[in-house]
N, C-alpha and C. Protein backbone atom coordinates (compact mmCIF):
# COMPACT_ATOMS: atom_id res chain seq x y z
N UNK A 1 0.29 33.76 -4.15
CA UNK A 1 -0.47 32.60 -3.99
C UNK A 1 -1.24 32.57 -2.67
N UNK A 2 -2.46 32.20 -2.70
CA UNK A 2 -3.32 32.28 -1.57
C UNK A 2 -2.96 31.16 -0.55
N UNK A 3 -3.22 31.36 0.69
CA UNK A 3 -2.98 30.46 1.81
C UNK A 3 -3.66 29.13 1.53
N UNK A 4 -4.90 29.18 1.00
CA UNK A 4 -5.62 27.97 0.76
C UNK A 4 -5.03 27.14 -0.44
N UNK A 5 -4.45 27.88 -1.40
CA UNK A 5 -3.85 27.19 -2.50
C UNK A 5 -2.59 26.43 -2.05
N UNK A 6 -1.79 27.09 -1.10
CA UNK A 6 -0.65 26.41 -0.55
C UNK A 6 -0.99 25.23 0.29
N UNK A 7 -2.09 25.37 1.06
CA UNK A 7 -2.57 24.33 1.89
C UNK A 7 -3.02 23.09 1.01
N UNK A 8 -3.73 23.43 -0.07
CA UNK A 8 -4.23 22.40 -0.93
C UNK A 8 -3.06 21.65 -1.66
N UNK A 9 -2.06 22.42 -2.06
CA UNK A 9 -0.92 21.78 -2.75
C UNK A 9 -0.13 20.92 -1.80
N UNK A 10 0.00 21.39 -0.53
CA UNK A 10 0.78 20.61 0.51
C UNK A 10 -0.03 19.34 0.76
N UNK A 11 -1.36 19.43 0.87
CA UNK A 11 -2.22 18.28 1.16
C UNK A 11 -2.08 17.18 0.00
N UNK A 12 -2.14 17.75 -1.30
CA UNK A 12 -2.08 16.87 -2.45
C UNK A 12 -0.68 16.21 -2.56
N UNK A 13 0.39 16.92 -2.21
CA UNK A 13 1.69 16.45 -2.27
C UNK A 13 1.91 15.31 -1.27
N UNK A 14 1.35 15.48 -0.10
CA UNK A 14 1.46 14.43 0.98
C UNK A 14 0.55 13.21 0.58
N UNK A 15 -0.56 13.50 -0.07
CA UNK A 15 -1.41 12.42 -0.48
C UNK A 15 -0.74 11.57 -1.55
N UNK A 16 -0.10 12.17 -2.51
CA UNK A 16 0.63 11.47 -3.57
C UNK A 16 1.80 10.70 -3.02
N UNK A 17 2.46 11.26 -1.98
CA UNK A 17 3.54 10.54 -1.32
C UNK A 17 3.05 9.25 -0.73
N UNK A 18 1.91 9.28 0.00
CA UNK A 18 1.36 8.09 0.54
C UNK A 18 1.00 7.09 -0.50
N UNK A 19 0.35 7.54 -1.65
CA UNK A 19 0.03 6.64 -2.75
C UNK A 19 1.13 5.94 -3.27
N UNK A 20 2.32 6.69 -3.49
CA UNK A 20 3.49 6.13 -4.14
C UNK A 20 4.11 5.02 -3.20
N UNK A 21 4.13 5.33 -1.91
CA UNK A 21 4.68 4.37 -0.97
C UNK A 21 3.86 3.13 -0.88
N UNK A 22 2.54 3.30 -0.72
CA UNK A 22 1.65 2.12 -0.50
C UNK A 22 1.59 1.31 -1.83
N UNK A 23 1.52 1.96 -3.00
CA UNK A 23 1.49 1.19 -4.25
C UNK A 23 2.86 0.45 -4.48
N UNK A 24 3.97 1.06 -4.04
CA UNK A 24 5.23 0.42 -4.16
C UNK A 24 5.32 -0.84 -3.29
N UNK A 25 4.72 -0.78 -2.11
CA UNK A 25 4.66 -1.93 -1.29
C UNK A 25 3.89 -3.06 -1.90
N UNK A 26 2.73 -2.65 -2.52
CA UNK A 26 1.83 -3.62 -3.12
C UNK A 26 2.58 -4.27 -4.38
N UNK A 27 3.24 -3.46 -5.10
CA UNK A 27 4.02 -3.92 -6.25
C UNK A 27 5.08 -4.87 -5.85
N UNK A 28 5.84 -4.55 -4.77
CA UNK A 28 6.88 -5.39 -4.27
C UNK A 28 6.35 -6.75 -3.82
N UNK A 29 5.21 -6.72 -3.16
CA UNK A 29 4.65 -7.98 -2.66
C UNK A 29 4.09 -8.81 -3.84
N UNK A 30 3.30 -8.17 -4.75
CA UNK A 30 2.66 -8.96 -5.78
C UNK A 30 3.66 -9.36 -6.85
N UNK A 31 4.54 -8.53 -7.29
CA UNK A 31 5.53 -8.84 -8.36
C UNK A 31 6.75 -9.56 -7.79
N UNK A 32 7.28 -9.00 -6.64
CA UNK A 32 8.46 -9.55 -6.07
C UNK A 32 8.28 -10.96 -5.48
N UNK A 33 7.27 -11.01 -4.54
CA UNK A 33 7.05 -12.25 -3.87
C UNK A 33 6.36 -13.32 -4.76
N UNK A 34 5.50 -12.84 -5.60
CA UNK A 34 4.74 -13.73 -6.43
C UNK A 34 5.43 -14.17 -7.70
N UNK A 35 6.46 -13.41 -8.21
CA UNK A 35 7.08 -13.77 -9.44
C UNK A 35 8.60 -13.85 -9.30
N UNK A 36 9.26 -12.81 -8.91
CA UNK A 36 10.70 -12.79 -8.84
C UNK A 36 11.29 -13.76 -7.84
N UNK A 37 10.74 -13.73 -6.60
CA UNK A 37 11.28 -14.60 -5.55
C UNK A 37 10.47 -15.85 -5.33
N UNK A 38 9.63 -16.22 -6.24
CA UNK A 38 8.78 -17.37 -6.15
C UNK A 38 9.53 -18.64 -5.94
N UNK A 39 10.57 -18.90 -6.60
CA UNK A 39 11.32 -20.14 -6.42
C UNK A 39 11.93 -20.25 -5.03
N UNK A 40 12.50 -19.15 -4.53
CA UNK A 40 13.07 -19.19 -3.21
C UNK A 40 11.91 -19.39 -2.14
N UNK A 41 10.80 -18.70 -2.38
CA UNK A 41 9.72 -18.79 -1.38
C UNK A 41 9.01 -20.11 -1.42
N UNK A 42 9.13 -20.80 -2.54
CA UNK A 42 8.43 -22.12 -2.65
C UNK A 42 9.09 -23.17 -1.74
N UNK A 43 10.21 -22.91 -1.15
CA UNK A 43 10.84 -23.80 -0.20
C UNK A 43 10.05 -23.80 1.12
N UNK A 44 9.30 -22.78 1.38
CA UNK A 44 8.54 -22.63 2.56
C UNK A 44 7.05 -23.02 2.31
N UNK A 45 6.39 -23.76 3.15
CA UNK A 45 4.99 -24.14 2.99
C UNK A 45 4.12 -23.50 4.07
N UNK A 46 2.95 -23.03 3.59
CA UNK A 46 1.91 -22.57 4.53
C UNK A 46 0.57 -23.30 4.19
N UNK A 47 0.10 -24.09 5.16
CA UNK A 47 -1.10 -24.77 4.98
C UNK A 47 -1.05 -25.83 3.86
N UNK A 48 0.18 -26.33 3.58
CA UNK A 48 0.34 -27.29 2.56
C UNK A 48 0.63 -26.65 1.14
N UNK A 49 0.53 -25.40 1.05
CA UNK A 49 0.82 -24.70 -0.15
C UNK A 49 2.21 -24.01 -0.16
N UNK A 50 2.91 -23.99 -1.32
CA UNK A 50 4.16 -23.33 -1.37
C UNK A 50 3.91 -21.82 -1.13
N UNK A 51 4.92 -21.13 -0.46
CA UNK A 51 4.66 -19.74 -0.08
C UNK A 51 4.68 -18.84 -1.34
N UNK A 52 5.46 -19.17 -2.36
CA UNK A 52 5.48 -18.42 -3.62
C UNK A 52 4.13 -18.44 -4.32
N UNK A 53 3.56 -19.62 -4.33
CA UNK A 53 2.19 -19.80 -4.88
C UNK A 53 1.18 -19.06 -4.11
N UNK A 54 1.32 -19.12 -2.72
CA UNK A 54 0.37 -18.43 -1.89
C UNK A 54 0.38 -16.95 -2.12
N UNK A 55 1.62 -16.33 -2.22
CA UNK A 55 1.67 -14.94 -2.46
C UNK A 55 1.08 -14.58 -3.84
N UNK A 56 1.34 -15.40 -4.85
CA UNK A 56 0.76 -15.04 -6.15
C UNK A 56 -0.77 -15.17 -6.16
N UNK A 57 -1.32 -16.13 -5.42
CA UNK A 57 -2.75 -16.30 -5.39
C UNK A 57 -3.55 -15.53 -4.32
N UNK A 58 -3.00 -15.46 -3.14
CA UNK A 58 -3.69 -14.87 -1.98
C UNK A 58 -3.00 -13.64 -1.42
N UNK A 59 -1.73 -13.77 -1.23
CA UNK A 59 -0.93 -12.74 -0.49
C UNK A 59 -1.02 -11.35 -1.02
N UNK A 60 -0.99 -11.27 -2.35
CA UNK A 60 -1.07 -9.93 -2.98
C UNK A 60 -2.47 -9.29 -2.72
N UNK A 61 -3.50 -10.15 -2.76
CA UNK A 61 -4.87 -9.63 -2.50
C UNK A 61 -5.01 -9.21 -1.04
N UNK A 62 -4.52 -10.00 -0.10
CA UNK A 62 -4.55 -9.61 1.28
C UNK A 62 -3.77 -8.39 1.57
N UNK A 63 -2.60 -8.28 0.94
CA UNK A 63 -1.76 -7.09 1.12
C UNK A 63 -2.52 -5.87 0.65
N UNK A 64 -3.16 -5.91 -0.52
CA UNK A 64 -3.88 -4.78 -1.10
C UNK A 64 -4.99 -4.43 -0.13
N UNK A 65 -5.76 -5.30 0.42
CA UNK A 65 -6.81 -5.00 1.30
C UNK A 65 -6.28 -4.31 2.57
N UNK A 66 -5.22 -4.80 3.11
CA UNK A 66 -4.56 -4.21 4.32
C UNK A 66 -4.12 -2.82 3.99
N UNK A 67 -3.55 -2.63 2.78
CA UNK A 67 -3.10 -1.25 2.35
C UNK A 67 -4.26 -0.29 2.24
N UNK A 68 -5.38 -0.77 1.78
CA UNK A 68 -6.53 0.02 1.73
C UNK A 68 -6.92 0.64 3.08
N UNK A 69 -6.92 -0.24 4.08
CA UNK A 69 -7.23 0.26 5.42
C UNK A 69 -6.15 1.18 6.00
N UNK A 70 -4.87 0.95 5.66
CA UNK A 70 -3.82 1.81 6.01
C UNK A 70 -4.00 3.18 5.35
N UNK A 71 -4.36 3.16 3.99
CA UNK A 71 -4.56 4.42 3.31
C UNK A 71 -5.70 5.20 3.92
N UNK A 72 -6.79 4.55 4.30
CA UNK A 72 -7.88 5.24 4.94
C UNK A 72 -7.49 5.87 6.22
N UNK A 73 -6.77 5.18 7.03
CA UNK A 73 -6.23 5.78 8.28
C UNK A 73 -5.36 6.94 8.06
N UNK A 74 -4.40 6.79 7.10
CA UNK A 74 -3.47 7.84 6.77
C UNK A 74 -4.26 9.09 6.24
N UNK A 75 -5.22 8.87 5.45
CA UNK A 75 -5.95 9.96 4.89
C UNK A 75 -6.82 10.68 5.92
N UNK A 76 -7.40 9.89 6.86
CA UNK A 76 -8.13 10.53 7.98
C UNK A 76 -7.22 11.45 8.83
N UNK A 77 -6.04 10.99 9.06
CA UNK A 77 -5.03 11.84 9.75
C UNK A 77 -4.64 13.04 8.97
N UNK A 78 -4.49 12.90 7.63
CA UNK A 78 -4.09 13.97 6.74
C UNK A 78 -5.18 15.01 6.67
N UNK A 79 -6.51 14.51 6.62
CA UNK A 79 -7.62 15.40 6.62
C UNK A 79 -7.70 16.22 7.90
N UNK A 80 -7.41 15.65 8.97
CA UNK A 80 -7.44 16.37 10.26
C UNK A 80 -6.32 17.40 10.31
N UNK A 81 -5.14 16.98 9.81
CA UNK A 81 -3.91 17.84 9.81
C UNK A 81 -4.19 19.16 8.98
N UNK A 82 -4.89 19.01 7.88
CA UNK A 82 -5.07 20.17 7.01
C UNK A 82 -6.48 20.76 7.15
N UNK A 83 -7.27 20.25 8.06
CA UNK A 83 -8.58 20.82 8.38
C UNK A 83 -9.67 20.53 7.38
N UNK A 84 -9.50 19.35 6.76
CA UNK A 84 -10.55 18.91 5.77
C UNK A 84 -11.46 17.86 6.28
N UNK A 85 -11.32 17.55 7.58
CA UNK A 85 -12.22 16.62 8.21
C UNK A 85 -13.59 17.12 8.47
N UNK A 86 -14.61 16.34 8.47
CA UNK A 86 -15.94 16.75 8.62
C UNK A 86 -16.38 16.69 10.06
């Protein structure tokens, strides 16, 4: 196997690891906080709205946008690590 093939496979493996971790966080926030733990979170209010409702309506979206920025930062570091940066 060529050195570039090993490098590309290592790069892809690390990229997939990041994707799985970040999408798991998003799933936990959107499904867990918005659906499973909704009743417990509804005891807390933010801006007059129940926290479970807020996570279902806004929190999952905010979390997704934050995770996009985290992913971009991680990928920029990964690109530099493997020499794929421009």
